[in-house]
Amino acid sequence: MTTQLGETKSSTELVISWEALPADFQLEDEPVENTGQPLLAGALRESLEISGFIQPQMLIASNFGLCATINGQFVAKAPNWVYVPSVNQVLGERKSYTPNLDGDIPAIVMEFLSDAEGGEYSFKRTYPPGKWFFYEQILQVPIYVIFDPNGGLLEFYQLENSRYELKQPDENGRHWIDAMGLFLGTWQGTKEARTGYWLRWWDEAGNLLLWAVEQIEQERQRTEQERQQKERLITYLQSQGIDPNNLQ
């Protein structure tokens, strides 16, 4: 499957084909920039899974190779987090994903900034192209998120007229993602011994999608409230000379 992409008729056209990962291709094996990045990616998936959002045909992955062949040269980029609404074949394990060949174009890709990295903003066209150019011009991913875990800055870019445009959040500081039916925003707090800024999901009604530890705490508080209500009722009945144990 091949397409051509060019800014103008006079510019050099890019010939893009969607081919499977070559058997001898070595994906970049870069070390994780910091221990926080896997936690951020895992937290995003966890609340989606608990809420029942994730379906078998979806692909949600982190540091996972997205592939395309550009002018005969194979390119793979691994975003920190990616969501694909539907794949052609549900597999237990994947080494890579080629849009159009393997299923839908990703609906959203995310990159988490680190002190040593700047490629999230790279529009470099020469081989291998930069991440921004690859997501915007090659894959044409509708939404590109760049998140700074240290400062909490969330940059939300939406593809309009083949260019990413920075979008402002709503009055609650969140961005609506139509393809997911969810809001994305930032949250500050502690999870897994990491205290700082996190990316979180909210449903259409504005309810935060909880993590497992939050659901457990919520249930503990509900049980404690029920216990206290029962004790107050028993105390009241006893004050009225009524034995609670004799109630039918």
Protein backbone atom coordinates (compact mmCIF):
# COMPACT_ATOMS: atom_id res chain seq x y z
CA MET A 1 0.00 0.00 0.00
CA THR A 2 1.62 3.23 -1.16
CA THR A 3 0.71 6.91 -0.91
CA GLN A 4 2.42 10.12 -1.91
CA LEU A 5 2.67 13.23 0.20
CA GLY A 6 3.92 16.64 -0.85
CA GLU A 7 3.37 20.22 0.32
CA THR A 8 3.13 21.53 -3.24
CA LYS A 9 3.46 20.11 -6.71
CA SER A 10 6.90 21.62 -6.98
CA SER A 11 8.20 20.15 -3.75
CA THR A 12 9.83 16.75 -3.49
CA GLU A 13 7.12 14.18 -2.90
CA LEU A 14 7.43 11.60 -0.20
CA VAL A 15 6.50 8.10 -1.27
CA ILE A 16 5.00 6.33 1.73
CA SER A 17 4.25 2.64 1.85
CA TRP A 18 2.78 0.56 4.65
CA GLU A 19 4.82 -2.59 5.01
CA ALA A 20 5.35 -5.13 7.76
CA LEU A 21 8.38 -4.89 10.01
CA PRO A 22 11.30 -6.53 8.17
CA ALA A 23 12.51 -9.67 9.90
CA ASP A 24 16.05 -8.32 10.17
CA PHE A 25 15.09 -4.80 11.28
CA GLN A 26 16.47 -3.77 14.64
CA LEU A 27 14.16 -1.48 16.56
CA GLU A 28 15.94 1.20 18.55
CA ASP A 29 16.58 -0.07 22.06
CA GLU A 30 17.02 3.21 23.87
CA PRO A 31 17.05 3.13 27.67
CA VAL A 32 14.07 4.61 29.47
CA GLU A 33 14.86 8.23 30.27
CA ASN A 34 13.60 7.96 33.86
CA THR A 35 11.59 5.64 36.07
CA GLY A 36 8.57 7.95 35.96
CA GLN A 37 7.75 7.40 32.28
CA PRO A 38 6.57 3.77 32.62
CA LEU A 39 4.48 4.78 35.65
CA LEU A 40 2.78 7.57 33.67
CA ALA A 41 2.00 5.25 30.78
CA GLY A 42 0.79 2.46 33.05
CA ALA A 43 -1.49 4.79 35.00
CA LEU A 44 -3.18 5.94 31.79
CA ARG A 45 -3.95 2.36 30.81
CA GLU A 46 -4.96 1.21 34.30
CA SER A 47 -7.90 3.57 34.71
CA LEU A 48 -9.14 2.77 31.20
CA GLU A 49 -9.01 -0.94 31.93
CA ILE A 50 -10.77 -0.65 35.29
CA SER A 51 -13.54 1.49 33.81
CA GLY A 52 -14.25 -1.11 31.11
CA PHE A 53 -13.16 1.16 28.27
CA ILE A 54 -10.61 -1.20 26.71
CA GLN A 55 -11.96 -3.64 24.11
CA PRO A 56 -10.14 -6.58 22.48
CA GLN A 57 -9.82 -4.86 19.09
CA MET A 58 -8.04 -1.85 20.58
CA LEU A 59 -4.29 -1.40 20.77
CA ILE A 60 -2.90 0.55 23.72
CA ALA A 61 0.85 0.42 24.19
CA SER A 62 3.87 2.35 25.43
CA ASN A 63 7.34 2.65 23.88
CA PHE A 64 6.04 0.58 20.98
CA GLY A 65 7.21 0.84 17.37
CA LEU A 66 4.93 2.59 14.85
CA CYS A 67 6.18 1.87 11.36
CA ALA A 68 6.16 3.30 7.85
CA THR A 69 8.40 3.08 4.79
CA ILE A 70 9.41 6.48 3.42
CA ASN A 71 11.08 6.69 0.01
CA GLY A 72 12.08 3.06 0.38
CA GLN A 73 13.58 3.48 3.85
CA PHE A 74 11.94 1.85 6.84
CA VAL A 75 11.17 4.14 9.79
CA ALA A 76 9.93 3.22 13.25
CA LYS A 77 9.11 5.62 16.09
CA ALA A 78 8.14 4.56 19.59
CA PRO A 79 5.84 7.04 21.36
CA ASN A 80 5.57 6.88 25.13
CA TRP A 81 1.86 6.06 24.77
CA VAL A 82 -0.37 5.24 21.80
CA TYR A 83 -4.05 4.40 21.31
CA VAL A 84 -5.36 2.65 18.20
CA PRO A 85 -9.16 2.23 18.07
CA SER A 86 -9.20 -0.96 16.00
CA VAL A 87 -6.69 -3.46 14.64
CA ASN A 88 -7.31 -6.00 11.90
CA GLN A 89 -6.09 -8.92 13.97
CA VAL A 90 -6.07 -9.29 17.74
CA LEU A 91 -2.68 -10.65 18.82
CA GLY A 92 -1.37 -11.49 22.25
CA GLU A 93 1.99 -9.93 21.47
CA ARG A 94 3.17 -7.46 18.85
CA LYS A 95 6.67 -6.29 18.00
CA SER A 96 5.39 -3.34 15.99
CA TYR A 97 2.37 -1.79 14.32
CA THR A 98 2.05 -0.52 10.74
CA PRO A 99 -1.00 1.75 10.28
CA ASN A 100 -3.28 0.98 7.33
CA LEU A 101 -1.67 -2.45 6.94
CA ASP A 102 -2.43 -3.69 10.48
CA GLY A 103 -5.48 -1.54 11.22
CA ASP A 104 -6.50 2.02 12.01
CA ILE A 105 -4.21 5.00 12.16
CA PRO A 106 -3.52 5.77 15.84
CA ALA A 107 -6.09 8.19 17.24
CA ILE A 108 -3.63 9.68 19.72
CA VAL A 109 0.08 9.51 20.48
CA MET A 110 1.77 10.92 23.58
CA GLU A 111 5.33 11.85 24.42
CA PHE A 112 6.58 12.59 27.94
CA LEU A 113 9.33 15.18 28.06
CA SER A 114 12.62 14.40 29.72
CA ASP A 115 15.65 16.53 30.49
CA ALA A 116 17.77 14.84 27.83
CA GLU A 117 15.23 14.59 25.00
CA GLY A 118 14.01 17.15 22.50
CA GLY A 119 12.89 14.97 19.63
CA GLU A 120 9.23 15.40 20.55
CA TYR A 121 9.32 18.73 18.71
CA SER A 122 11.55 17.61 15.82
CA PHE A 123 10.23 18.42 12.34
CA LYS A 124 13.35 17.03 10.69
CA ARG A 125 12.50 15.64 7.24
CA THR A 126 15.77 13.87 6.48
CA TYR A 127 16.11 10.18 7.26
CA PRO A 128 15.14 9.23 9.86
CA PRO A 129 12.54 12.01 10.21
CA GLY A 130 11.76 13.61 13.57
CA LYS A 131 8.87 12.52 15.76
CA TRP A 132 6.70 15.57 15.09
CA PHE A 133 7.09 15.25 11.33
CA PHE A 134 6.50 11.49 11.47
CA TYR A 135 3.28 11.76 13.47
CA GLU A 136 1.97 14.81 11.62
CA GLN A 137 2.97 14.28 8.00
CA ILE A 138 3.55 10.55 7.64
CA LEU A 139 1.07 8.85 9.96
CA GLN A 140 -1.23 11.88 10.22
CA VAL A 141 -2.25 11.05 13.78
CA PRO A 142 -5.23 13.29 14.70
CA ILE A 143 -4.01 14.16 18.23
CA TYR A 144 -0.47 14.59 19.50
CA VAL A 145 0.08 15.18 23.23
CA ILE A 146 3.37 16.38 24.72
CA PHE A 147 3.45 16.28 28.51
CA ASP A 148 6.04 17.64 30.92
CA PRO A 149 5.79 15.51 34.09
CA ASN A 150 8.04 17.87 36.04
CA GLY A 151 6.20 21.13 35.40
CA GLY A 152 2.78 19.67 34.62
CA LEU A 153 2.49 21.41 31.23
CA LEU A 154 0.15 19.58 28.86
CA GLU A 155 0.42 20.53 25.17
CA PHE A 156 -2.52 19.22 23.17
CA TYR A 157 -2.12 19.39 19.38
CA GLN A 158 -4.87 18.58 16.91
CA LEU A 159 -4.37 17.91 13.21
CA GLU A 160 -6.05 20.62 11.12
CA ASN A 161 -5.34 21.12 7.43
CA SER A 162 -2.42 18.69 7.70
CA ARG A 163 -0.76 20.70 10.50
CA TYR A 164 -0.79 20.34 14.26
CA GLU A 165 -2.53 23.24 15.99
CA LEU A 166 -2.12 23.86 19.71
CA LYS A 167 -5.49 23.72 21.47
CA GLN A 168 -6.48 25.43 24.70
CA PRO A 169 -8.15 23.42 27.47
CA ASP A 170 -11.71 23.96 28.66
CA GLU A 171 -12.66 25.78 31.84
CA ASN A 172 -11.67 22.70 33.86
CA GLY A 173 -8.24 22.51 32.27
CA ARG A 174 -9.16 19.43 30.21
CA HIS A 175 -9.27 18.44 26.55
CA TRP A 176 -12.11 16.47 25.00
CA ILE A 177 -11.06 13.51 22.81
CA ASP A 178 -14.00 12.63 20.63
CA ALA A 179 -12.47 9.35 19.40
CA MET A 180 -12.38 8.08 23.00
CA GLY A 181 -15.40 9.86 24.46
CA LEU A 182 -13.20 11.06 27.31
CA PHE A 183 -11.49 14.16 28.65
CA LEU A 184 -7.74 14.26 29.19
CA GLY A 185 -6.19 16.54 31.79
CA THR A 186 -3.54 16.82 34.46
CA TRP A 187 -3.74 15.84 38.12
CA GLN A 188 -1.30 16.35 40.95
CA GLY A 189 -0.74 13.77 43.63
CA THR A 190 0.96 10.51 44.60
CA LYS A 191 0.85 7.05 43.07
CA GLU A 192 3.37 4.22 43.43
CA ALA A 193 5.72 6.41 45.47
CA ARG A 194 5.83 9.02 42.72
CA THR A 195 4.55 12.45 43.74
CA GLY A 196 3.98 14.98 41.00
CA TYR A 197 1.89 15.61 37.91
CA TRP A 198 -0.01 12.87 36.12
CA LEU A 199 -2.24 12.60 33.06
CA ARG A 200 -5.77 11.48 33.96
CA TRP A 201 -9.03 10.63 32.20
CA TRP A 202 -12.51 12.02 32.96
CA ASP A 203 -15.76 10.80 31.46
CA GLU A 204 -18.26 13.01 29.66
CA ALA A 205 -20.02 13.82 32.94
CA GLY A 206 -16.78 15.00 34.49
CA ASN A 207 -16.18 11.94 36.67
CA LEU A 208 -12.54 11.00 37.20
CA LEU A 209 -11.64 7.47 36.07
CA LEU A 210 -10.13 5.96 39.17
CA TRP A 211 -7.03 3.88 39.69
CA ALA A 212 -7.28 0.59 41.57
CA VAL A 213 -5.86 2.05 44.78
CA GLU A 214 -8.42 4.86 44.64
CA GLN A 215 -11.28 2.42 44.16
CA ILE A 216 -10.08 0.41 47.15
CA GLU A 217 -9.89 3.56 49.27
CA GLN A 218 -13.33 4.64 48.07
CA GLU A 219 -14.78 1.27 49.08
CA ARG A 220 -13.01 1.43 52.46
CA GLN A 221 -14.53 4.85 53.15
CA ARG A 222 -17.99 3.62 52.13
CA THR A 223 -17.71 0.63 54.47
CA GLU A 224 -16.52 2.87 57.31
CA GLN A 225 -19.43 5.28 56.75
CA GLU A 226 -21.90 2.40 56.86
CA ARG A 227 -20.32 1.12 60.10
CA GLN A 228 -20.55 4.56 61.73
CA GLN A 229 -24.18 4.96 60.63
CA LYS A 230 -25.02 1.58 62.12
CA GLU A 231 -23.33 2.48 65.41
CA ARG A 232 -25.23 5.79 65.60
CA LEU A 233 -28.49 3.96 64.99
CA ILE A 234 -27.74 1.43 67.72
CA THR A 235 -26.84 4.22 70.15
CA TYR A 236 -30.09 6.04 69.36
CA LEU A 237 -32.23 2.93 69.82
CA GLN A 238 -30.56 2.17 73.14
CA SER A 239 -31.19 5.75 74.28
CA GLN A 240 -34.89 5.11 73.62
CA GLY A 241 -34.87 1.94 75.68
CA ILE A 242 -34.97 -0.30 72.65
CA ASP A 243 -32.77 -3.36 72.39
CA PRO A 244 -31.46 -3.45 68.77
CA ASN A 245 -31.01 -7.22 69.02
CA ASN A 246 -34.78 -7.70 69.52
CA LEU A 247 -35.79 -5.84 66.38
CA GLN A 248 -37.62 -7.93 63.83
